[in-house]
Amino acid sequence: MLLSYVNTQLRDNYASLDEFCSSLDVSRADLEAKLSAAGFDYMPEINQFR
């Protein structure tokens, strides 16, 4: 569910993960760690987690 929400927000509303995290006052490191633990990594060239 988190992955779907984040990727949808990145696709529709934010140009980068930094912009997303800053806007929502979320730690980028914490978000990346949580999604990485589930097997997903951020790919800046497509602005999505895969």
PDB file of N, CA and C in Angstrom:
ATOM      1  N   MET A   1       0.825  -1.190   0.000  1.00  0.00           N
ATOM      2  CA  MET A   1       0.000   0.000   0.000  1.00  0.00           C
ATOM      3  C   MET A   1       0.876   1.264   0.000  1.00  0.00           C
ATOM      4  N   LEU A   2       1.917   1.271   0.825  1.00  0.00           N
ATOM      5  CA  LEU A   2       2.816   2.423   0.866  1.00  0.00           C
ATOM      6  C   LEU A   2       3.467   2.639  -0.493  1.00  0.00           C
ATOM      7  N   LEU A   3       3.941   1.575  -1.105  1.00  0.00           N
ATOM      8  CA  LEU A   3       4.581   1.681  -2.416  1.00  0.00           C
ATOM      9  C   LEU A   3       3.642   2.304  -3.439  1.00  0.00           C
ATOM     10  N   SER A   4       2.429   1.824  -3.479  1.00  0.00           N
ATOM     11  CA  SER A   4       1.440   2.341  -4.434  1.00  0.00           C
ATOM     12  C   SER A   4       1.178   3.824  -4.203  1.00  0.00           C
ATOM     13  N   TYR A   5       1.010   4.217  -2.948  1.00  0.00           N
ATOM     14  CA  TYR A   5       0.751   5.623  -2.629  1.00  0.00           C
ATOM     15  C   TYR A   5       1.929   6.503  -3.056  1.00  0.00           C
ATOM     16  N   VAL A   6       3.129   6.095  -2.657  1.00  0.00           N
ATOM     17  CA  VAL A   6       4.315   6.905  -2.961  1.00  0.00           C
ATOM     18  C   VAL A   6       4.510   7.026  -4.472  1.00  0.00           C
ATOM     19  N   ASN A   7       4.438   5.906  -5.187  1.00  0.00           N
ATOM     20  CA  ASN A   7       4.641   5.974  -6.637  1.00  0.00           C
ATOM     21  C   ASN A   7       3.563   6.802  -7.335  1.00  0.00           C
ATOM     22  N   THR A   8       2.341   6.713  -6.877  1.00  0.00           N
ATOM     23  CA  THR A   8       1.273   7.525  -7.464  1.00  0.00           C
ATOM     24  C   THR A   8       1.530   9.007  -7.225  1.00  0.00           C
ATOM     25  N   GLN A   9       1.927   9.347  -6.006  1.00  0.00           N
ATOM     26  CA  GLN A   9       2.229  10.740  -5.703  1.00  0.00           C
ATOM     27  C   GLN A   9       3.410  11.250  -6.525  1.00  0.00           C
ATOM     28  N   LEU A  10       4.450  10.435  -6.635  1.00  0.00           N
ATOM     29  CA  LEU A  10       5.611  10.836  -7.427  1.00  0.00           C
ATOM     30  C   LEU A  10       5.226  11.036  -8.886  1.00  0.00           C
ATOM     31  N   ARG A  11       4.438  10.138  -9.414  1.00  0.00           N
ATOM     32  CA  ARG A  11       4.024  10.229 -10.819  1.00  0.00           C
ATOM     33  C   ARG A  11       3.148  11.453 -11.072  1.00  0.00           C
ATOM     34  N   ASP A  12       2.199  11.703 -10.180  1.00  0.00           N
ATOM     35  CA  ASP A  12       1.185  12.724 -10.436  1.00  0.00           C
ATOM     36  C   ASP A  12       1.496  14.117  -9.893  1.00  0.00           C
ATOM     37  N   ASN A  13       2.307  14.198  -8.842  1.00  0.00           N
ATOM     38  CA  ASN A  13       2.417  15.484  -8.143  1.00  0.00           C
ATOM     39  C   ASN A  13       3.828  16.004  -7.863  1.00  0.00           C
ATOM     40  N   TYR A  14       4.835  15.157  -7.965  1.00  0.00           N
ATOM     41  CA  TYR A  14       6.175  15.576  -7.541  1.00  0.00           C
ATOM     42  C   TYR A  14       7.227  15.226  -8.586  1.00  0.00           C
ATOM     43  N   ALA A  15       8.159  16.126  -8.785  1.00  0.00           N
ATOM     44  CA  ALA A  15       9.220  15.931  -9.768  1.00  0.00           C
ATOM     45  C   ALA A  15      10.364  15.082  -9.230  1.00  0.00           C
ATOM     46  N   SER A  16      10.418  14.896  -7.897  1.00  0.00           N
ATOM     47  CA  SER A  16      11.511  14.112  -7.313  1.00  0.00           C
ATOM     48  C   SER A  16      11.097  13.578  -5.947  1.00  0.00           C
ATOM     49  N   LEU A  17      11.856  12.618  -5.472  1.00  0.00           N
ATOM     50  CA  LEU A  17      11.613  12.070  -4.133  1.00  0.00           C
ATOM     51  C   LEU A  17      11.900  13.122  -3.068  1.00  0.00           C
ATOM     52  N   ASP A  18      12.909  13.932  -3.283  1.00  0.00           N
ATOM     53  CA  ASP A  18      13.214  15.005  -2.321  1.00  0.00           C
ATOM     54  C   ASP A  18      12.046  15.978  -2.190  1.00  0.00           C
ATOM     55  N   GLU A  19      11.448  16.336  -3.301  1.00  0.00           N
ATOM     56  CA  GLU A  19      10.301  17.255  -3.278  1.00  0.00           C
ATOM     57  C   GLU A  19       9.122  16.624  -2.528  1.00  0.00           C
ATOM     58  N   PHE A  20       8.857  15.356  -2.792  1.00  0.00           N
ATOM     59  CA  PHE A  20       7.786  14.622  -2.106  1.00  0.00           C
ATOM     60  C   PHE A  20       8.025  14.610  -0.596  1.00  0.00           C
ATOM     61  N   CYS A  21       9.227  14.208  -0.189  1.00  0.00           N
ATOM     62  CA  CYS A  21       9.532  14.105   1.237  1.00  0.00           C
ATOM     63  C   CYS A  21       9.473  15.464   1.930  1.00  0.00           C
ATOM     64  N   SER A  22       9.991  16.474   1.279  1.00  0.00           N
ATOM     65  CA  SER A  22       9.965  17.819   1.850  1.00  0.00           C
ATOM     66  C   SER A  22       8.533  18.322   2.017  1.00  0.00           C
ATOM     67  N   SER A  23       7.716  18.103   1.033  1.00  0.00           N
ATOM     68  CA  SER A  23       6.336  18.558   1.062  1.00  0.00           C
ATOM     69  C   SER A  23       5.541  17.915   2.199  1.00  0.00           C
ATOM     70  N   LEU A  24       5.811  16.633   2.454  1.00  0.00           N
ATOM     71  CA  LEU A  24       5.064  15.896   3.482  1.00  0.00           C
ATOM     72  C   LEU A  24       5.803  15.805   4.811  1.00  0.00           C
ATOM     73  N   ASP A  25       6.971  16.457   4.901  1.00  0.00           N
ATOM     74  CA  ASP A  25       7.802  16.422   6.101  1.00  0.00           C
ATOM     75  C   ASP A  25       8.100  14.982   6.526  1.00  0.00           C
ATOM     76  N   VAL A  26       8.569  14.205   5.546  1.00  0.00           N
ATOM     77  CA  VAL A  26       8.912  12.797   5.747  1.00  0.00           C
ATOM     78  C   VAL A  26      10.414  12.650   5.551  1.00  0.00           C
ATOM     79  N   SER A  27      11.040  11.824   6.367  1.00  0.00           N
ATOM     80  CA  SER A  27      12.459  11.560   6.204  1.00  0.00           C
ATOM     81  C   SER A  27      12.687  10.687   4.974  1.00  0.00           C
ATOM     82  N   ARG A  28      13.458  11.193   4.036  1.00  0.00           N
ATOM     83  CA  ARG A  28      13.755  10.412   2.833  1.00  0.00           C
ATOM     84  C   ARG A  28      14.473   9.116   3.210  1.00  0.00           C
ATOM     85  N   ALA A  29      15.428   9.213   4.117  1.00  0.00           N
ATOM     86  CA  ALA A  29      16.188   8.029   4.525  1.00  0.00           C
ATOM     87  C   ALA A  29      15.266   6.965   5.126  1.00  0.00           C
ATOM     88  N   ASP A  30      14.336   7.392   5.972  1.00  0.00           N
ATOM     89  CA  ASP A  30      13.402   6.438   6.578  1.00  0.00           C
ATOM     90  C   ASP A  30      12.491   5.808   5.534  1.00  0.00           C
ATOM     91  N   LEU A  31      11.995   6.611   4.616  1.00  0.00           N
ATOM     92  CA  LEU A  31      11.110   6.098   3.572  1.00  0.00           C
ATOM     93  C   LEU A  31      11.856   5.115   2.677  1.00  0.00           C
ATOM     94  N   GLU A  32      13.061   5.478   2.260  1.00  0.00           N
ATOM     95  CA  GLU A  32      13.840   4.578   1.418  1.00  0.00           C
ATOM     96  C   GLU A  32      14.192   3.288   2.159  1.00  0.00           C
ATOM     97  N   ALA A  33      14.502   3.376   3.442  1.00  0.00           N
ATOM     98  CA  ALA A  33      14.826   2.178   4.226  1.00  0.00           C
ATOM     99  C   ALA A  33      13.620   1.256   4.331  1.00  0.00           C
ATOM    100  N   LYS A  34      12.457   1.830   4.578  1.00  0.00           N
ATOM    101  CA  LYS A  34      11.246   1.025   4.706  1.00  0.00           C
ATOM    102  C   LYS A  34      10.914   0.309   3.396  1.00  0.00           C
ATOM    103  N   LEU A  35      10.986   1.027   2.296  1.00  0.00           N
ATOM    104  CA  LEU A  35      10.673   0.413   1.010  1.00  0.00           C
ATOM    105  C   LEU A  35      11.781  -0.534   0.552  1.00  0.00           C
ATOM    106  N   SER A  36      13.013  -0.236   0.897  1.00  0.00           N
ATOM    107  CA  SER A  36      14.122  -1.130   0.564  1.00  0.00           C
ATOM    108  C   SER A  36      13.982  -2.460   1.300  1.00  0.00           C
ATOM    109  N   ALA A  37      13.542  -2.408   2.550  1.00  0.00           N
ATOM    110  CA  ALA A  37      13.335  -3.634   3.330  1.00  0.00           C
ATOM    111  C   ALA A  37      12.278  -4.527   2.685  1.00  0.00           C
ATOM    112  N   ALA A  38      11.374  -3.918   1.923  1.00  0.00           N
ATOM    113  CA  ALA A  38      10.328  -4.674   1.219  1.00  0.00           C
ATOM    114  C   ALA A  38      10.777  -5.065  -0.191  1.00  0.00           C
ATOM    115  N   GLY A  39      12.032  -4.701  -0.546  1.00  0.00           N
ATOM    116  CA  GLY A  39      12.573  -5.097  -1.839  1.00  0.00           C
ATOM    117  C   GLY A  39      12.477  -4.067  -2.945  1.00  0.00           C
ATOM    118  N   PHE A  40      12.198  -2.819  -2.597  1.00  0.00           N
ATOM    119  CA  PHE A  40      12.044  -1.768  -3.604  1.00  0.00           C
ATOM    120  C   PHE A  40      13.101  -0.691  -3.430  1.00  0.00           C
ATOM    121  N   ASP A  41      13.646  -0.227  -4.543  1.00  0.00           N
ATOM    122  CA  ASP A  41      14.645   0.837  -4.526  1.00  0.00           C
ATOM    123  C   ASP A  41      14.163   1.992  -5.389  1.00  0.00           C
ATOM    124  N   TYR A  42      14.555   3.207  -4.983  1.00  0.00           N
ATOM    125  CA  TYR A  42      14.181   4.394  -5.739  1.00  0.00           C
ATOM    126  C   TYR A  42      15.038   4.495  -6.985  1.00  0.00           C
ATOM    127  N   MET A  43      14.382   4.758  -8.112  1.00  0.00           N
ATOM    128  CA  MET A  43      15.062   4.930  -9.395  1.00  0.00           C
ATOM    129  C   MET A  43      14.807   6.357  -9.870  1.00  0.00           C
ATOM    130  N   PRO A  44      15.750   7.267  -9.633  1.00  0.00           N
ATOM    131  CA  PRO A  44      15.519   8.681  -9.972  1.00  0.00           C
ATOM    132  C   PRO A  44      15.261   8.939 -11.448  1.00  0.00           C
ATOM    133  N   GLU A  45      15.801   8.095 -12.327  1.00  0.00           N
ATOM    134  CA  GLU A  45      15.603   8.328 -13.758  1.00  0.00           C
ATOM    135  C   GLU A  45      14.151   8.166 -14.179  1.00  0.00           C
ATOM    136  N   ILE A  46      13.367   7.405 -13.408  1.00  0.00           N
ATOM    137  CA  ILE A  46      11.934   7.279 -13.691  1.00  0.00           C
ATOM    138  C   ILE A  46      11.074   7.823 -12.560  1.00  0.00           C
ATOM    139  N   ASN A  47      11.713   8.348 -11.515  1.00  0.00           N
ATOM    140  CA  ASN A  47      11.032   8.941 -10.363  1.00  0.00           C
ATOM    141  C   ASN A  47      10.008   7.973  -9.754  1.00  0.00           C
ATOM    142  N   GLN A  48      10.433   6.733  -9.558  1.00  0.00           N
ATOM    143  CA  GLN A  48       9.569   5.691  -9.006  1.00  0.00           C
ATOM    144  C   GLN A  48      10.392   4.707  -8.195  1.00  0.00           C
ATOM    145  N   PHE A  49       9.722   3.988  -7.320  1.00  0.00           N
ATOM    146  CA  PHE A  49      10.342   2.858  -6.634  1.00  0.00           C
ATOM    147  C   PHE A  49      10.022   1.608  -7.445  1.00  0.00           C
ATOM    148  N   ARG A  50      11.010   0.742  -7.617  1.00  0.00           N
ATOM    149  CA  ARG A  50      10.830  -0.529  -8.330  1.00  0.00           C
ATOM    150  C   ARG A  50      11.538  -1.620  -7.588  1.00  0.00           C
TER     151      ARG A  50
END
